[in-house]
């Protein structure tokens, strides 16, 4: 992956994290952590990986973010000075859940 793509991923991760924290309201006790941003090589698309807490509220968090996606994207694009401006897509990050499964399997092997 090119250095430029890595820099853009980090820039988008920082900006989107701030926007979600400031602009999106979840019900009390529900959090959404932005874990990773992956922009396509042509910079037209960005996959935004979200880790909801608690995990049982995953569907609610993703519905809320999808509902706010266009507004979030508009705010993001207003602060970027690049072309093309990426279209964002929210994805649930399942890394933690998968790590728990692997840990359980390893414990059961002992």
N, C-alpha and C. Protein backbone atom coordinates (compact mmCIF):
# COMPACT_ATOMS: atom_id res chain seq x y z
N UNK A 1 0.85 -1.17 0.00
CA UNK A 1 0.00 0.00 0.00
C UNK A 1 0.90 1.24 0.00
N UNK A 2 0.53 2.21 -0.80
CA UNK A 2 1.37 3.41 -0.93
C UNK A 2 1.31 4.27 0.33
N UNK A 3 2.34 5.05 0.51
CA UNK A 3 2.42 5.95 1.65
C UNK A 3 1.27 6.95 1.62
N UNK A 4 0.92 7.42 0.44
CA UNK A 4 -0.18 8.39 0.31
C UNK A 4 -1.50 7.79 0.78
N UNK A 5 -1.79 6.57 0.38
CA UNK A 5 -3.03 5.90 0.81
C UNK A 5 -3.04 5.75 2.33
N UNK A 6 -1.91 5.36 2.92
CA UNK A 6 -1.84 5.22 4.37
C UNK A 6 -2.09 6.56 5.06
N UNK A 7 -1.56 7.63 4.52
CA UNK A 7 -1.76 8.96 5.10
C UNK A 7 -3.23 9.37 4.99
N UNK A 8 -3.85 9.09 3.85
CA UNK A 8 -5.26 9.44 3.67
C UNK A 8 -6.13 8.61 4.62
N UNK A 9 -5.81 7.32 4.78
CA UNK A 9 -6.54 6.47 5.73
C UNK A 9 -6.50 7.08 7.13
N UNK A 10 -5.32 7.50 7.56
CA UNK A 10 -5.16 8.07 8.89
C UNK A 10 -5.89 9.40 9.01
N UNK A 11 -5.80 10.25 8.00
CA UNK A 11 -6.50 11.53 8.00
C UNK A 11 -8.01 11.32 8.12
N UNK A 12 -8.55 10.42 7.30
CA UNK A 12 -9.99 10.14 7.34
C UNK A 12 -10.40 9.55 8.69
N UNK A 13 -9.57 8.66 9.25
CA UNK A 13 -9.87 8.06 10.55
C UNK A 13 -9.97 9.13 11.63
N UNK A 14 -9.02 10.06 11.63
CA UNK A 14 -9.04 11.13 12.63
C UNK A 14 -10.26 12.03 12.46
N UNK A 15 -10.49 12.48 11.23
CA UNK A 15 -11.60 13.40 10.97
C UNK A 15 -12.95 12.74 11.25
N UNK A 16 -13.13 11.52 10.76
CA UNK A 16 -14.40 10.83 10.98
C UNK A 16 -14.64 10.55 12.45
N UNK A 17 -13.58 10.19 13.18
CA UNK A 17 -13.71 9.97 14.62
C UNK A 17 -14.23 11.21 15.33
N UNK A 18 -13.69 12.37 14.96
CA UNK A 18 -14.14 13.63 15.55
C UNK A 18 -15.58 13.93 15.17
N UNK A 19 -15.91 13.72 13.91
CA UNK A 19 -17.27 14.01 13.43
C UNK A 19 -18.29 13.11 14.13
N UNK A 20 -18.01 11.83 14.21
CA UNK A 20 -18.94 10.90 14.84
C UNK A 20 -19.11 11.25 16.32
N UNK A 21 -18.02 11.56 16.99
CA UNK A 21 -18.09 11.91 18.41
C UNK A 21 -18.92 13.17 18.62
N UNK A 22 -18.74 14.16 17.76
CA UNK A 22 -19.38 15.46 17.93
C UNK A 22 -20.79 15.51 17.37
N UNK A 23 -21.05 14.81 16.28
CA UNK A 23 -22.29 15.01 15.53
C UNK A 23 -23.34 13.89 15.65
N UNK A 24 -22.94 12.72 16.08
CA UNK A 24 -23.87 11.59 16.12
C UNK A 24 -24.22 11.28 17.57
N UNK A 25 -25.51 11.21 17.85
CA UNK A 25 -25.98 10.91 19.20
C UNK A 25 -26.53 9.49 19.24
N UNK A 26 -25.99 8.71 20.15
CA UNK A 26 -26.49 7.36 20.40
C UNK A 26 -27.23 7.38 21.72
N UNK A 27 -28.07 6.37 21.94
CA UNK A 27 -28.78 6.30 23.21
C UNK A 27 -27.76 6.09 24.34
N UNK A 28 -28.13 6.43 25.58
CA UNK A 28 -27.20 6.32 26.71
C UNK A 28 -26.64 4.90 26.85
N UNK A 29 -25.35 4.83 27.13
CA UNK A 29 -24.69 3.54 27.34
C UNK A 29 -24.20 2.87 26.06
N UNK A 30 -24.41 3.50 24.91
CA UNK A 30 -23.99 2.92 23.63
C UNK A 30 -22.86 3.76 23.06
N UNK A 31 -21.81 3.08 22.65
CA UNK A 31 -20.64 3.74 22.08
C UNK A 31 -20.31 3.12 20.73
N UNK A 32 -19.65 3.91 19.88
CA UNK A 32 -19.15 3.40 18.60
C UNK A 32 -17.71 3.85 18.46
N UNK A 33 -16.81 2.88 18.34
CA UNK A 33 -15.39 3.17 18.17
C UNK A 33 -15.01 2.95 16.73
N UNK A 34 -14.40 3.95 16.13
CA UNK A 34 -13.92 3.84 14.76
C UNK A 34 -12.57 3.13 14.84
N UNK A 35 -12.48 1.93 14.28
CA UNK A 35 -11.26 1.13 14.41
C UNK A 35 -10.33 1.22 13.22
N UNK A 36 -10.88 1.44 12.03
CA UNK A 36 -10.03 1.44 10.85
C UNK A 36 -10.76 2.09 9.69
N UNK A 37 -9.99 2.77 8.83
CA UNK A 37 -10.52 3.31 7.59
C UNK A 37 -9.64 2.81 6.46
N UNK A 38 -10.27 2.30 5.42
CA UNK A 38 -9.54 1.81 4.25
C UNK A 38 -10.10 2.49 3.01
N UNK A 39 -9.27 3.31 2.38
CA UNK A 39 -9.69 4.01 1.18
C UNK A 39 -9.25 3.20 -0.04
N UNK A 40 -10.07 3.23 -1.09
CA UNK A 40 -9.72 2.50 -2.31
C UNK A 40 -8.55 3.19 -3.02
N UNK A 41 -7.89 2.47 -3.88
CA UNK A 41 -6.72 3.02 -4.58
C UNK A 41 -7.07 4.25 -5.40
N UNK A 42 -8.30 4.31 -5.94
CA UNK A 42 -8.70 5.48 -6.74
C UNK A 42 -9.28 6.60 -5.88
N UNK A 43 -9.30 6.41 -4.56
CA UNK A 43 -9.76 7.40 -3.57
C UNK A 43 -11.25 7.71 -3.66
N UNK A 44 -12.01 6.92 -4.37
CA UNK A 44 -13.45 7.19 -4.53
C UNK A 44 -14.31 6.57 -3.43
N UNK A 45 -13.78 5.58 -2.72
CA UNK A 45 -14.56 4.87 -1.70
C UNK A 45 -13.71 4.69 -0.44
N UNK A 46 -14.37 4.80 0.70
CA UNK A 46 -13.70 4.57 1.98
C UNK A 46 -14.57 3.66 2.83
N UNK A 47 -13.99 2.55 3.28
CA UNK A 47 -14.66 1.64 4.19
C UNK A 47 -14.30 2.06 5.61
N UNK A 48 -15.32 2.32 6.41
CA UNK A 48 -15.13 2.79 7.78
C UNK A 48 -15.57 1.68 8.72
N UNK A 49 -14.62 1.10 9.45
CA UNK A 49 -14.90 -0.03 10.33
C UNK A 49 -15.23 0.49 11.73
N UNK A 50 -16.38 0.05 12.22
CA UNK A 50 -16.92 0.51 13.50
C UNK A 50 -17.05 -0.67 14.46
N UNK A 51 -16.62 -0.47 15.70
CA UNK A 51 -16.78 -1.47 16.74
C UNK A 51 -17.79 -0.93 17.76
N UNK A 52 -19.02 -1.45 17.75
CA UNK A 52 -20.04 -0.97 18.68
C UNK A 52 -19.88 -1.58 20.08
N UNK A 53 -20.26 -0.80 21.08
CA UNK A 53 -20.28 -1.30 22.46
C UNK A 53 -21.58 -0.85 23.10
N UNK A 54 -22.30 -1.72 23.74
CA UNK A 54 -22.08 -3.16 23.80
C UNK A 54 -22.38 -3.81 22.45
N UNK A 55 -21.82 -4.96 22.26
CA UNK A 55 -21.96 -5.67 20.98
C UNK A 55 -23.41 -5.96 20.64
N UNK A 56 -24.25 -6.10 21.65
CA UNK A 56 -25.67 -6.37 21.40
C UNK A 56 -26.38 -5.20 20.71
N UNK A 57 -25.76 -4.02 20.74
CA UNK A 57 -26.34 -2.83 20.11
C UNK A 57 -25.76 -2.58 18.72
N UNK A 58 -25.10 -3.56 18.17
CA UNK A 58 -24.44 -3.42 16.86
C UNK A 58 -25.40 -2.97 15.77
N UNK A 59 -26.56 -3.61 15.70
CA UNK A 59 -27.53 -3.26 14.66
C UNK A 59 -28.02 -1.82 14.82
N UNK A 60 -28.29 -1.41 16.05
CA UNK A 60 -28.73 -0.04 16.32
C UNK A 60 -27.66 0.97 15.90
N UNK A 61 -26.40 0.71 16.28
CA UNK A 61 -25.31 1.63 15.94
C UNK A 61 -25.16 1.76 14.43
N UNK A 62 -25.20 0.64 13.72
CA UNK A 62 -25.01 0.68 12.27
C UNK A 62 -26.20 1.37 11.58
N UNK A 63 -27.41 1.14 12.07
CA UNK A 63 -28.59 1.83 11.52
C UNK A 63 -28.47 3.34 11.72
N UNK A 64 -28.05 3.74 12.91
CA UNK A 64 -27.90 5.16 13.22
C UNK A 64 -26.85 5.80 12.31
N UNK A 65 -25.71 5.14 12.17
CA UNK A 65 -24.65 5.69 11.32
C UNK A 65 -25.08 5.75 9.86
N UNK A 66 -25.77 4.73 9.40
CA UNK A 66 -26.23 4.73 8.01
C UNK A 66 -27.25 5.86 7.80
N UNK A 67 -28.10 6.09 8.78
CA UNK A 67 -29.08 7.17 8.70
C UNK A 67 -28.38 8.53 8.62
N UNK A 68 -27.26 8.67 9.29
CA UNK A 68 -26.52 9.93 9.35
C UNK A 68 -25.39 10.01 8.31
N UNK A 69 -25.23 8.98 7.49
CA UNK A 69 -24.09 8.87 6.58
C UNK A 69 -23.93 10.08 5.66
N UNK A 70 -24.98 10.52 5.03
CA UNK A 70 -24.87 11.65 4.10
C UNK A 70 -24.45 12.93 4.81
N UNK A 71 -24.99 13.15 5.99
CA UNK A 71 -24.62 14.34 6.76
C UNK A 71 -23.17 14.26 7.21
N UNK A 72 -22.74 13.08 7.68
CA UNK A 72 -21.35 12.88 8.09
C UNK A 72 -20.42 13.10 6.90
N UNK A 73 -20.80 12.55 5.78
CA UNK A 73 -19.98 12.67 4.57
C UNK A 73 -19.87 14.14 4.13
N UNK A 74 -20.97 14.89 4.23
CA UNK A 74 -20.96 16.31 3.85
C UNK A 74 -20.01 17.11 4.76
N UNK A 75 -20.07 16.83 6.06
CA UNK A 75 -19.18 17.50 7.00
C UNK A 75 -17.72 17.14 6.71
N UNK A 76 -17.48 15.86 6.47
CA UNK A 76 -16.13 15.39 6.15
C UNK A 76 -15.60 16.08 4.90
N UNK A 77 -16.40 16.07 3.86
CA UNK A 77 -15.96 16.65 2.59
C UNK A 77 -15.72 18.16 2.70
N UNK A 78 -16.46 18.83 3.57
CA UNK A 78 -16.26 20.26 3.77
C UNK A 78 -14.89 20.59 4.33
N UNK A 79 -14.28 19.64 5.03
CA UNK A 79 -12.98 19.88 5.64
C UNK A 79 -11.82 19.27 4.89
N UNK A 80 -12.07 18.63 3.76
CA UNK A 80 -11.00 18.00 2.99
C UNK A 80 -10.68 18.83 1.76
N UNK A 81 -9.41 18.86 1.43
CA UNK A 81 -8.96 19.56 0.23
C UNK A 81 -8.27 18.55 -0.66
N UNK A 82 -9.07 17.66 -1.23
CA UNK A 82 -8.53 16.62 -2.11
C UNK A 82 -9.57 16.25 -3.14
N UNK A 83 -9.12 15.67 -4.20
CA UNK A 83 -10.00 15.18 -5.27
C UNK A 83 -9.53 13.79 -5.63
N UNK A 84 -10.41 12.88 -5.87
CA UNK A 84 -11.84 12.92 -5.60
C UNK A 84 -12.11 12.80 -4.10
N UNK A 85 -13.30 13.15 -3.71
CA UNK A 85 -13.73 13.01 -2.32
C UNK A 85 -14.37 11.63 -2.17
N UNK A 86 -13.91 10.83 -1.19
CA UNK A 86 -14.41 9.46 -1.08
C UNK A 86 -15.84 9.36 -0.53
N UNK A 87 -16.58 8.42 -1.08
CA UNK A 87 -17.89 8.06 -0.54
C UNK A 87 -17.64 7.08 0.60
N UNK A 88 -18.27 7.30 1.75
CA UNK A 88 -18.01 6.44 2.89
C UNK A 88 -19.07 5.34 3.03
N UNK A 89 -18.62 4.19 3.52
CA UNK A 89 -19.50 3.06 3.82
C UNK A 89 -19.11 2.54 5.20
N UNK A 90 -20.08 2.39 6.08
CA UNK A 90 -19.83 1.89 7.43
C UNK A 90 -19.93 0.37 7.46
N UNK A 91 -18.96 -0.26 8.11
CA UNK A 91 -18.92 -1.72 8.27
C UNK A 91 -18.69 -2.05 9.73
N UNK A 92 -19.29 -3.14 10.19
CA UNK A 92 -19.08 -3.58 11.57
C UNK A 92 -17.74 -4.29 11.66
N UNK A 93 -16.92 -3.88 12.62
CA UNK A 93 -15.63 -4.52 12.85
C UNK A 93 -15.85 -5.71 13.77
N UNK A 94 -15.57 -6.89 13.28
CA UNK A 94 -15.80 -8.11 14.06
C UNK A 94 -14.51 -8.69 14.63
N UNK A 95 -13.43 -7.95 14.60
CA UNK A 95 -12.14 -8.44 15.05
C UNK A 95 -12.18 -8.91 16.50
N UNK A 96 -12.79 -8.12 17.38
CA UNK A 96 -12.83 -8.48 18.79
C UNK A 96 -13.63 -9.76 19.01
N UNK A 97 -14.75 -9.90 18.34
CA UNK A 97 -15.57 -11.10 18.47
C UNK A 97 -14.80 -12.33 17.98
N UNK A 98 -14.11 -12.19 16.85
CA UNK A 98 -13.33 -13.30 16.30
C UNK A 98 -12.17 -13.67 17.22
N UNK A 99 -11.54 -12.67 17.85
CA UNK A 99 -10.45 -12.93 18.79
C UNK A 99 -10.96 -13.71 20.00
N UNK A 100 -12.16 -13.36 20.48
CA UNK A 100 -12.75 -14.08 21.61
C UNK A 100 -12.99 -15.55 21.25
N UNK A 101 -13.47 -15.80 20.05
CA UNK A 101 -13.71 -17.18 19.60
C UNK A 101 -12.41 -17.97 19.57
N UNK A 102 -11.37 -17.37 19.02
CA UNK A 102 -10.07 -18.05 18.95
C UNK A 102 -9.54 -18.32 20.35
N UNK A 103 -9.67 -17.35 21.25
CA UNK A 103 -9.21 -17.55 22.63
C UNK A 103 -9.96 -18.70 23.30
N UNK A 104 -11.28 -18.76 23.09
CA UNK A 104 -12.07 -19.85 23.68
C UNK A 104 -11.62 -21.20 23.14
N UNK A 105 -11.38 -21.27 21.85
CA UNK A 105 -10.94 -22.52 21.23
C UNK A 105 -9.59 -22.93 21.81
N UNK A 106 -8.66 -21.98 21.94
CA UNK A 106 -7.35 -22.30 22.49
C UNK A 106 -7.45 -22.74 23.94
N UNK A 107 -8.32 -22.12 24.73
CA UNK A 107 -8.50 -22.55 26.12
C UNK A 107 -9.07 -23.96 26.18
N UNK A 108 -10.00 -24.28 25.28
CA UNK A 108 -10.60 -25.61 25.27
C UNK A 108 -9.63 -26.69 24.88
N UNK A 109 -8.57 -26.32 24.15
CA UNK A 109 -7.56 -27.31 23.74
C UNK A 109 -6.67 -27.74 24.90
N UNK A 110 -6.56 -26.91 25.91
CA UNK A 110 -5.70 -27.24 27.07
C UNK A 110 -6.25 -28.34 27.90
